Amino acid sequence: MTQNIVTKEQVEKIISKSTVDVKTVFDKCTIVTCVLPNGFVIVEHSACVDPKNYDENIGAKICLEKIKDKIWELEGYKLQYQLKKDN
């Protein structure tokens, strides 16, 4: 039977095996593209109002947290599917 939990370690392992690309656009927006090990692509963005306040590192960190949340959601869906299939 499949274990009924998604762990932080699982999500971190997926991120560590993924390809991540960070870009700045319009001097105030960060776009992060993450290609998961299976080829699935997740894209997130963050932005600020004033380019003077922009920091790509902060933007990338925000985007990566959003990507981790999305992976958690997708892994939860996959787990629910597997648990239902096992019963």
PDB file of N, CA and C in Angstrom:
ATOM      1  N   MET A   1       0.841  -1.190   0.000  1.00  0.00           N
ATOM      2  CA  MET A   1       0.000   0.000   0.000  1.00  0.00           C
ATOM      3  C   MET A   1       0.883   1.249   0.000  1.00  0.00           C
ATOM      4  N   THR A   2       0.429   2.277  -0.644  1.00  0.00           N
ATOM      5  CA  THR A   2       1.144   3.541  -0.741  1.00  0.00           C
ATOM      6  C   THR A   2       1.048   4.309   0.571  1.00  0.00           C
ATOM      7  N   GLN A   3       2.176   4.918   0.992  1.00  0.00           N
ATOM      8  CA  GLN A   3       2.157   5.758   2.190  1.00  0.00           C
ATOM      9  C   GLN A   3       1.289   6.977   1.909  1.00  0.00           C
ATOM     10  N   ASN A   4       0.459   7.382   2.874  1.00  0.00           N
ATOM     11  CA  ASN A   4      -0.513   8.446   2.622  1.00  0.00           C
ATOM     12  C   ASN A   4      -0.041   9.823   3.086  1.00  0.00           C
ATOM     13  N   ILE A   5       1.164  10.214   2.664  1.00  0.00           N
ATOM     14  CA  ILE A   5       1.684  11.525   3.037  1.00  0.00           C
ATOM     15  C   ILE A   5       2.658  12.018   1.968  1.00  0.00           C
ATOM     16  N   VAL A   6       2.615  13.314   1.726  1.00  0.00           N
ATOM     17  CA  VAL A   6       3.615  13.978   0.894  1.00  0.00           C
ATOM     18  C   VAL A   6       4.527  14.720   1.860  1.00  0.00           C
ATOM     19  N   THR A   7       5.822  14.517   1.727  1.00  0.00           N
ATOM     20  CA  THR A   7       6.757  15.126   2.673  1.00  0.00           C
ATOM     21  C   THR A   7       7.537  16.277   2.035  1.00  0.00           C
ATOM     22  N   LYS A   8       8.040  17.129   2.903  1.00  0.00           N
ATOM     23  CA  LYS A   8       8.900  18.230   2.461  1.00  0.00           C
ATOM     24  C   LYS A   8      10.128  17.675   1.743  1.00  0.00           C
ATOM     25  N   GLU A   9      10.636  16.553   2.231  1.00  0.00           N
ATOM     26  CA  GLU A   9      11.809  15.924   1.625  1.00  0.00           C
ATOM     27  C   GLU A   9      11.527  15.505   0.183  1.00  0.00           C
ATOM     28  N   GLN A  10      10.323  14.976  -0.070  1.00  0.00           N
ATOM     29  CA  GLN A  10       9.940  14.598  -1.434  1.00  0.00           C
ATOM     30  C   GLN A  10       9.967  15.815  -2.355  1.00  0.00           C
ATOM     31  N   VAL A  11       9.372  16.899  -1.882  1.00  0.00           N
ATOM     32  CA  VAL A  11       9.304  18.120  -2.680  1.00  0.00           C
ATOM     33  C   VAL A  11      10.709  18.662  -2.933  1.00  0.00           C
ATOM     34  N   GLU A  12      11.550  18.689  -1.904  1.00  0.00           N
ATOM     35  CA  GLU A  12      12.924  19.184  -2.050  1.00  0.00           C
ATOM     36  C   GLU A  12      13.727  18.306  -3.013  1.00  0.00           C
ATOM     37  N   LYS A  13      13.487  16.999  -2.973  1.00  0.00           N
ATOM     38  CA  LYS A  13      14.188  16.081  -3.877  1.00  0.00           C
ATOM     39  C   LYS A  13      13.804  16.365  -5.330  1.00  0.00           C
ATOM     40  N   ILE A  14      12.528  16.622  -5.563  1.00  0.00           N
ATOM     41  CA  ILE A  14      12.072  16.946  -6.914  1.00  0.00           C
ATOM     42  C   ILE A  14      12.720  18.247  -7.386  1.00  0.00           C
ATOM     43  N   ILE A  15      12.734  19.259  -6.523  1.00  0.00           N
ATOM     44  CA  ILE A  15      13.358  20.547  -6.871  1.00  0.00           C
ATOM     45  C   ILE A  15      14.838  20.352  -7.183  1.00  0.00           C
ATOM     46  N   SER A  16      15.522  19.544  -6.384  1.00  0.00           N
ATOM     47  CA  SER A  16      16.966  19.365  -6.573  1.00  0.00           C
ATOM     48  C   SER A  16      17.296  18.681  -7.902  1.00  0.00           C
ATOM     49  N   LYS A  17      16.344  17.925  -8.440  1.00  0.00           N
ATOM     50  CA  LYS A  17      16.558  17.230  -9.711  1.00  0.00           C
ATOM     51  C   LYS A  17      15.964  17.997 -10.897  1.00  0.00           C
ATOM     52  N   SER A  18      15.450  19.190 -10.634  1.00  0.00           N
ATOM     53  CA  SER A  18      14.803  19.996 -11.667  1.00  0.00           C
ATOM     54  C   SER A  18      15.774  21.015 -12.253  1.00  0.00           C
ATOM     55  N   THR A  19      15.417  21.522 -13.411  1.00  0.00           N
ATOM     56  CA  THR A  19      16.169  22.610 -14.032  1.00  0.00           C
ATOM     57  C   THR A  19      15.400  23.903 -13.785  1.00  0.00           C
ATOM     58  N   VAL A  20      16.081  24.885 -13.191  1.00  0.00           N
ATOM     59  CA  VAL A  20      15.439  26.147 -12.836  1.00  0.00           C
ATOM     60  C   VAL A  20      16.104  27.281 -13.609  1.00  0.00           C
ATOM     61  N   ASP A  21      15.278  28.133 -14.210  1.00  0.00           N
ATOM     62  CA  ASP A  21      15.769  29.294 -14.949  1.00  0.00           C
ATOM     63  C   ASP A  21      15.120  30.547 -14.367  1.00  0.00           C
ATOM     64  N   VAL A  22      15.937  31.559 -14.061  1.00  0.00           N
ATOM     65  CA  VAL A  22      15.456  32.813 -13.480  1.00  0.00           C
ATOM     66  C   VAL A  22      15.741  33.940 -14.466  1.00  0.00           C
ATOM     67  N   LYS A  23      14.704  34.738 -14.735  1.00  0.00           N
ATOM     68  CA  LYS A  23      14.862  35.885 -15.632  1.00  0.00           C
ATOM     69  C   LYS A  23      14.223  37.120 -15.008  1.00  0.00           C
ATOM     70  N   THR A  24      14.821  38.276 -15.287  1.00  0.00           N
ATOM     71  CA  THR A  24      14.231  39.558 -14.919  1.00  0.00           C
ATOM     72  C   THR A  24      13.679  40.200 -16.184  1.00  0.00           C
ATOM     73  N   VAL A  25      12.452  40.704 -16.093  1.00  0.00           N
ATOM     74  CA  VAL A  25      11.858  41.423 -17.220  1.00  0.00           C
ATOM     75  C   VAL A  25      11.328  42.772 -16.747  1.00  0.00           C
ATOM     76  N   PHE A  26      11.432  43.753 -17.602  1.00  0.00           N
ATOM     77  CA  PHE A  26      10.938  45.108 -17.336  1.00  0.00           C
ATOM     78  C   PHE A  26      11.514  45.730 -16.069  1.00  0.00           C
ATOM     79  N   ASP A  27      12.688  45.288 -15.674  1.00  0.00           N
ATOM     80  CA  ASP A  27      13.418  45.841 -14.525  1.00  0.00           C
ATOM     81  C   ASP A  27      12.696  45.725 -13.187  1.00  0.00           C
ATOM     82  N   LYS A  28      11.604  44.945 -13.137  1.00  0.00           N
ATOM     83  CA  LYS A  28      10.905  44.827 -11.852  1.00  0.00           C
ATOM     84  C   LYS A  28      10.093  43.543 -11.698  1.00  0.00           C
ATOM     85  N   CYS A  29      10.296  42.614 -12.592  1.00  0.00           N
ATOM     86  CA  CYS A  29       9.538  41.363 -12.549  1.00  0.00           C
ATOM     87  C   CYS A  29      10.491  40.181 -12.684  1.00  0.00           C
ATOM     88  N   THR A  30      10.315  39.195 -11.819  1.00  0.00           N
ATOM     89  CA  THR A  30      11.099  37.961 -11.883  1.00  0.00           C
ATOM     90  C   THR A  30      10.202  36.853 -12.416  1.00  0.00           C
ATOM     91  N   ILE A  31      10.704  36.119 -13.385  1.00  0.00           N
ATOM     92  CA  ILE A  31       9.999  34.949 -13.911  1.00  0.00           C
ATOM     93  C   ILE A  31      10.905  33.742 -13.704  1.00  0.00           C
ATOM     94  N   VAL A  32      10.368  32.734 -13.019  1.00  0.00           N
ATOM     95  CA  VAL A  32      11.123  31.508 -12.772  1.00  0.00           C
ATOM     96  C   VAL A  32      10.412  30.360 -13.476  1.00  0.00           C
ATOM     97  N   THR A  33      11.174  29.663 -14.294  1.00  0.00           N
ATOM     98  CA  THR A  33      10.682  28.483 -14.997  1.00  0.00           C
ATOM     99  C   THR A  33      11.384  27.269 -14.411  1.00  0.00           C
ATOM    100  N   CYS A  34      10.596  26.257 -14.063  1.00  0.00           N
ATOM    101  CA  CYS A  34      11.142  25.048 -13.449  1.00  0.00           C
ATOM    102  C   CYS A  34      10.687  23.842 -14.263  1.00  0.00           C
ATOM    103  N   VAL A  35      11.660  23.126 -14.821  1.00  0.00           N
ATOM    104  CA  VAL A  35      11.356  21.902 -15.560  1.00  0.00           C
ATOM    105  C   VAL A  35      11.590  20.737 -14.604  1.00  0.00           C
ATOM    106  N   LEU A  36      10.517  20.044 -14.248  1.00  0.00           N
ATOM    107  CA  LEU A  36      10.606  18.922 -13.318  1.00  0.00           C
ATOM    108  C   LEU A  36      11.292  17.740 -13.993  1.00  0.00           C
ATOM    109  N   PRO A  37      11.760  16.768 -13.203  1.00  0.00           N
ATOM    110  CA  PRO A  37      12.467  15.616 -13.779  1.00  0.00           C
ATOM    111  C   PRO A  37      11.677  14.863 -14.856  1.00  0.00           C
ATOM    112  N   ASN A  38      10.349  14.911 -14.777  1.00  0.00           N
ATOM    113  CA  ASN A  38       9.527  14.205 -15.776  1.00  0.00           C
ATOM    114  C   ASN A  38       9.209  15.073 -16.992  1.00  0.00           C
ATOM    115  N   GLY A  39       9.744  16.305 -17.034  1.00  0.00           N
ATOM    116  CA  GLY A  39       9.514  17.193 -18.160  1.00  0.00           C
ATOM    117  C   GLY A  39       8.387  18.194 -17.974  1.00  0.00           C
ATOM    118  N   PHE A  40       7.591  18.037 -16.919  1.00  0.00           N
ATOM    119  CA  PHE A  40       6.504  18.980 -16.642  1.00  0.00           C
ATOM    120  C   PHE A  40       7.109  20.338 -16.292  1.00  0.00           C
ATOM    121  N   VAL A  41       6.504  21.414 -16.786  1.00  0.00           N
ATOM    122  CA  VAL A  41       7.041  22.759 -16.581  1.00  0.00           C
ATOM    123  C   VAL A  41       6.102  23.572 -15.700  1.00  0.00           C
ATOM    124  N   ILE A  42       6.676  24.225 -14.687  1.00  0.00           N
ATOM    125  CA  ILE A  42       5.942  25.146 -13.826  1.00  0.00           C
ATOM    126  C   ILE A  42       6.587  26.520 -13.989  1.00  0.00           C
ATOM    127  N   VAL A  43       5.749  27.555 -14.178  1.00  0.00           N
ATOM    128  CA  VAL A  43       6.241  28.922 -14.321  1.00  0.00           C
ATOM    129  C   VAL A  43       5.564  29.789 -13.265  1.00  0.00           C
ATOM    130  N   GLU A  44       6.357  30.568 -12.554  1.00  0.00           N
ATOM    131  CA  GLU A  44       5.828  31.505 -11.560  1.00  0.00           C
ATOM    132  C   GLU A  44       6.491  32.860 -11.756  1.00  0.00           C
ATOM    133  N   HIS A  45       5.852  33.886 -11.215  1.00  0.00           N
ATOM    134  CA  HIS A  45       6.418  35.232 -11.316  1.00  0.00           C
ATOM    135  C   HIS A  45       6.189  36.009 -10.030  1.00  0.00           C
ATOM    136  N   SER A  46       6.993  37.031  -9.849  1.00  0.00           N
ATOM    137  CA  SER A  46       6.788  38.007  -8.781  1.00  0.00           C
ATOM    138  C   SER A  46       7.233  39.354  -9.328  1.00  0.00           C
ATOM    139  N   ALA A  47       6.691  40.418  -8.772  1.00  0.00           N
ATOM    140  CA  ALA A  47       7.028  41.748  -9.273  1.00  0.00           C
ATOM    141  C   ALA A  47       6.869  42.775  -8.161  1.00  0.00           C
ATOM    142  N   CYS A  48       7.434  43.938  -8.391  1.00  0.00           N
ATOM    143  CA  CYS A  48       7.254  45.050  -7.469  1.00  0.00           C
ATOM    144  C   CYS A  48       6.745  46.249  -8.265  1.00  0.00           C
ATOM    145  N   VAL A  49       6.286  47.268  -7.575  1.00  0.00           N
ATOM    146  CA  VAL A  49       5.738  48.449  -8.229  1.00  0.00           C
ATOM    147  C   VAL A  49       6.848  49.355  -8.748  1.00  0.00           C
ATOM    148  N   ASP A  50       7.856  49.558  -7.924  1.00  0.00           N
ATOM    149  CA  ASP A  50       8.940  50.487  -8.258  1.00  0.00           C
ATOM    150  C   ASP A  50      10.224  49.718  -8.553  1.00  0.00           C
ATOM    151  N   PRO A  51      10.793  49.861  -9.737  1.00  0.00           N
ATOM    152  CA  PRO A  51      12.038  49.159 -10.060  1.00  0.00           C
ATOM    153  C   PRO A  51      13.176  49.434  -9.073  1.00  0.00           C
ATOM    154  N   LYS A  52      13.141  50.559  -8.386  1.00  0.00           N
ATOM    155  CA  LYS A  52      14.176  50.873  -7.388  1.00  0.00           C
ATOM    156  C   LYS A  52      14.150  49.874  -6.233  1.00  0.00           C
ATOM    157  N   ASN A  53      12.995  49.276  -6.002  1.00  0.00           N
ATOM    158  CA  ASN A  53      12.846  48.309  -4.908  1.00  0.00           C
ATOM    159  C   ASN A  53      13.076  46.866  -5.359  1.00  0.00           C
ATOM    160  N   TYR A  54      13.362  46.672  -6.630  1.00  0.00           N
ATOM    161  CA  TYR A  54      13.458  45.325  -7.187  1.00  0.00           C
ATOM    162  C   TYR A  54      14.753  44.629  -6.776  1.00  0.00           C
ATOM    163  N   ASP A  55      14.617  43.350  -6.430  1.00  0.00           N
ATOM    164  CA  ASP A  55      15.764  42.495  -6.110  1.00  0.00           C
ATOM    165  C   ASP A  55      15.474  41.118  -6.709  1.00  0.00           C
ATOM    166  N   GLU A  56      16.263  40.723  -7.700  1.00  0.00           N
ATOM    167  CA  GLU A  56      16.023  39.446  -8.379  1.00  0.00           C
ATOM    168  C   GLU A  56      16.097  38.267  -7.414  1.00  0.00           C
ATOM    169  N   ASN A  57      16.999  38.314  -6.447  1.00  0.00           N
ATOM    170  CA  ASN A  57      17.128  37.202  -5.493  1.00  0.00           C
ATOM    171  C   ASN A  57      15.865  37.029  -4.662  1.00  0.00           C
ATOM    172  N   ILE A  58      15.297  38.139  -4.222  1.00  0.00           N
ATOM    173  CA  ILE A  58      14.043  38.060  -3.455  1.00  0.00           C
ATOM    174  C   ILE A  58      12.929  37.537  -4.357  1.00  0.00           C
ATOM    175  N   GLY A  59      12.860  38.039  -5.579  1.00  0.00           N
ATOM    176  CA  GLY A  59      11.844  37.574  -6.524  1.00  0.00           C
ATOM    177  C   GLY A  59      11.962  36.089  -6.807  1.00  0.00           C
ATOM    178  N   ALA A  60      13.197  35.625  -6.996  1.00  0.00           N
ATOM    179  CA  ALA A  60      13.417  34.200  -7.264  1.00  0.00           C
ATOM    180  C   ALA A  60      13.000  33.350  -6.068  1.00  0.00           C
ATOM    181  N   LYS A  61      13.314  33.817  -4.872  1.00  0.00           N
ATOM    182  CA  LYS A  61      12.938  33.076  -3.656  1.00  0.00           C
ATOM    183  C   LYS A  61      11.415  32.956  -3.549  1.00  0.00           C
ATOM    184  N   ILE A  62      10.716  34.055  -3.809  1.00  0.00           N
ATOM    185  CA  ILE A  62       9.250  34.036  -3.768  1.00  0.00           C
ATOM    186  C   ILE A  62       8.708  33.051  -4.805  1.00  0.00           C
ATOM    187  N   CYS A  63       9.245  33.115  -6.008  1.00  0.00           N
ATOM    188  CA  CYS A  63       8.791  32.218  -7.080  1.00  0.00           C
ATOM    189  C   CYS A  63       9.062  30.754  -6.746  1.00  0.00           C
ATOM    190  N   LEU A  64      10.229  30.471  -6.201  1.00  0.00           N
ATOM    191  CA  LEU A  64      10.554  29.080  -5.852  1.00  0.00           C
ATOM    192  C   LEU A  64       9.628  28.543  -4.771  1.00  0.00           C
ATOM    193  N   GLU A  65       9.236  29.391  -3.825  1.00  0.00           N
ATOM    194  CA  GLU A  65       8.273  28.949  -2.809  1.00  0.00           C
ATOM    195  C   GLU A  65       6.931  28.622  -3.454  1.00  0.00           C
ATOM    196  N   LYS A  66       6.501  29.445  -4.404  1.00  0.00           N
ATOM    197  CA  LYS A  66       5.255  29.167  -5.128  1.00  0.00           C
ATOM    198  C   LYS A  66       5.367  27.854  -5.907  1.00  0.00           C
ATOM    199  N   ILE A  67       6.527  27.621  -6.514  1.00  0.00           N
ATOM    200  CA  ILE A  67       6.745  26.388  -7.274  1.00  0.00           C
ATOM    201  C   ILE A  67       6.711  25.180  -6.345  1.00  0.00           C
ATOM    202  N   LYS A  68       7.336  25.293  -5.182  1.00  0.00           N
ATOM    203  CA  LYS A  68       7.291  24.193  -4.209  1.00  0.00           C
ATOM    204  C   LYS A  68       5.852  23.914  -3.786  1.00  0.00           C
ATOM    205  N   ASP A  69       5.072  24.964  -3.558  1.00  0.00           N
ATOM    206  CA  ASP A  69       3.663  24.779  -3.203  1.00  0.00           C
ATOM    207  C   ASP A  69       2.913  24.050  -4.314  1.00  0.00           C
ATOM    208  N   LYS A  70       3.209  24.389  -5.565  1.00  0.00           N
ATOM    209  CA  LYS A  70       2.548  23.741  -6.701  1.00  0.00           C
ATOM    210  C   LYS A  70       2.949  22.268  -6.796  1.00  0.00           C
ATOM    211  N   ILE A  71       4.242  21.991  -6.574  1.00  0.00           N
ATOM    212  CA  ILE A  71       4.700  20.601  -6.586  1.00  0.00           C
ATOM    213  C   ILE A  71       3.994  19.821  -5.485  1.00  0.00           C
ATOM    214  N   TRP A  72       3.869  20.415  -4.307  1.00  0.00           N
ATOM    215  CA  TRP A  72       3.183  19.774  -3.184  1.00  0.00           C
ATOM    216  C   TRP A  72       1.749  19.432  -3.586  1.00  0.00           C
ATOM    217  N   GLU A  73       1.084  20.373  -4.235  1.00  0.00           N
ATOM    218  CA  GLU A  73      -0.288  20.158  -4.686  1.00  0.00           C
ATOM    219  C   GLU A  73      -0.357  19.028  -5.714  1.00  0.00           C
ATOM    220  N   LEU A  74       0.553  19.042  -6.671  1.00  0.00           N
ATOM    221  CA  LEU A  74       0.564  17.998  -7.700  1.00  0.00           C
ATOM    222  C   LEU A  74       0.893  16.626  -7.118  1.00  0.00           C
ATOM    223  N   GLU A  75       1.832  16.578  -6.199  1.00  0.00           N
ATOM    224  CA  GLU A  75       2.176  15.310  -5.547  1.00  0.00           C
ATOM    225  C   GLU A  75       1.008  14.806  -4.699  1.00  0.00           C
ATOM    226  N   GLY A  76       0.268  15.724  -4.083  1.00  0.00           N
ATOM    227  CA  GLY A  76      -0.926  15.344  -3.326  1.00  0.00           C
ATOM    228  C   GLY A  76      -1.984  14.727  -4.227  1.00  0.00           C
ATOM    229  N   TYR A  77      -2.170  15.324  -5.396  1.00  0.00           N
ATOM    230  CA  TYR A  77      -3.116  14.769  -6.367  1.00  0.00           C
ATOM    231  C   TYR A  77      -2.680  13.365  -6.788  1.00  0.00           C
ATOM    232  N   LYS A  78      -1.390  13.234  -7.103  1.00  0.00           N
ATOM    233  CA  LYS A  78      -0.863  11.930  -7.525  1.00  0.00           C
ATOM    234  C   LYS A  78      -1.056  10.887  -6.420  1.00  0.00           C
ATOM    235  N   LEU A  79      -0.786  11.274  -5.181  1.00  0.00           N
ATOM    236  CA  LEU A  79      -0.944  10.361  -4.049  1.00  0.00           C
ATOM    237  C   LEU A  79      -2.405   9.946  -3.883  1.00  0.00           C
ATOM    238  N   GLN A  80      -3.320  10.921  -3.957  1.00  0.00           N
ATOM    239  CA  GLN A  80      -4.744  10.604  -3.825  1.00  0.00           C
ATOM    240  C   GLN A  80      -5.174   9.616  -4.900  1.00  0.00           C
ATOM    241  N   TYR A  81      -4.684   9.811  -6.115  1.00  0.00           N
ATOM    242  CA  TYR A  81      -4.994   8.910  -7.222  1.00  0.00           C
ATOM    243  C   TYR A  81      -4.474   7.501  -6.926  1.00  0.00           C
ATOM    244  N   GLN A  82      -3.228   7.416  -6.441  1.00  0.00           N
ATOM    245  CA  GLN A  82      -2.637   6.110  -6.146  1.00  0.00           C
ATOM    246  C   GLN A  82      -3.375   5.412  -5.008  1.00  0.00           C
ATOM    247  N   LEU A  83      -3.737   6.153  -3.966  1.00  0.00           N
ATOM    248  CA  LEU A  83      -4.451   5.554  -2.838  1.00  0.00           C
ATOM    249  C   LEU A  83      -5.816   5.031  -3.278  1.00  0.00           C
ATOM    250  N   LYS A  84      -6.505   5.788  -4.098  1.00  0.00           N
ATOM    251  CA  LYS A  84      -7.818   5.371  -4.590  1.00  0.00           C
ATOM    252  C   LYS A  84      -7.681   4.123  -5.464  1.00  0.00           C
ATOM    253  N   LYS A  85      -6.624   4.105  -6.280  1.00  0.00           N
ATOM    254  CA  LYS A  85      -6.380   2.972  -7.174  1.00  0.00           C
ATOM    255  C   LYS A  85      -6.042   1.710  -6.380  1.00  0.00           C
ATOM    256  N   ASP A  86      -5.323   1.871  -5.263  1.00  0.00           N
ATOM    257  CA  ASP A  86      -4.918   0.731  -4.436  1.00  0.00           C
ATOM    258  C   ASP A  86      -6.095   0.086  -3.712  1.00  0.00           C
ATOM    259  N   ASN A  87      -7.184   0.825  -3.538  1.00  0.00           N
ATOM    260  CA  ASN A  87      -8.334   0.284  -2.790  1.00  0.00           C
ATOM    261  C   ASN A  87      -9.311  -0.386  -3.669  1.00  0.00           C
TER     262      ASN A  87
END
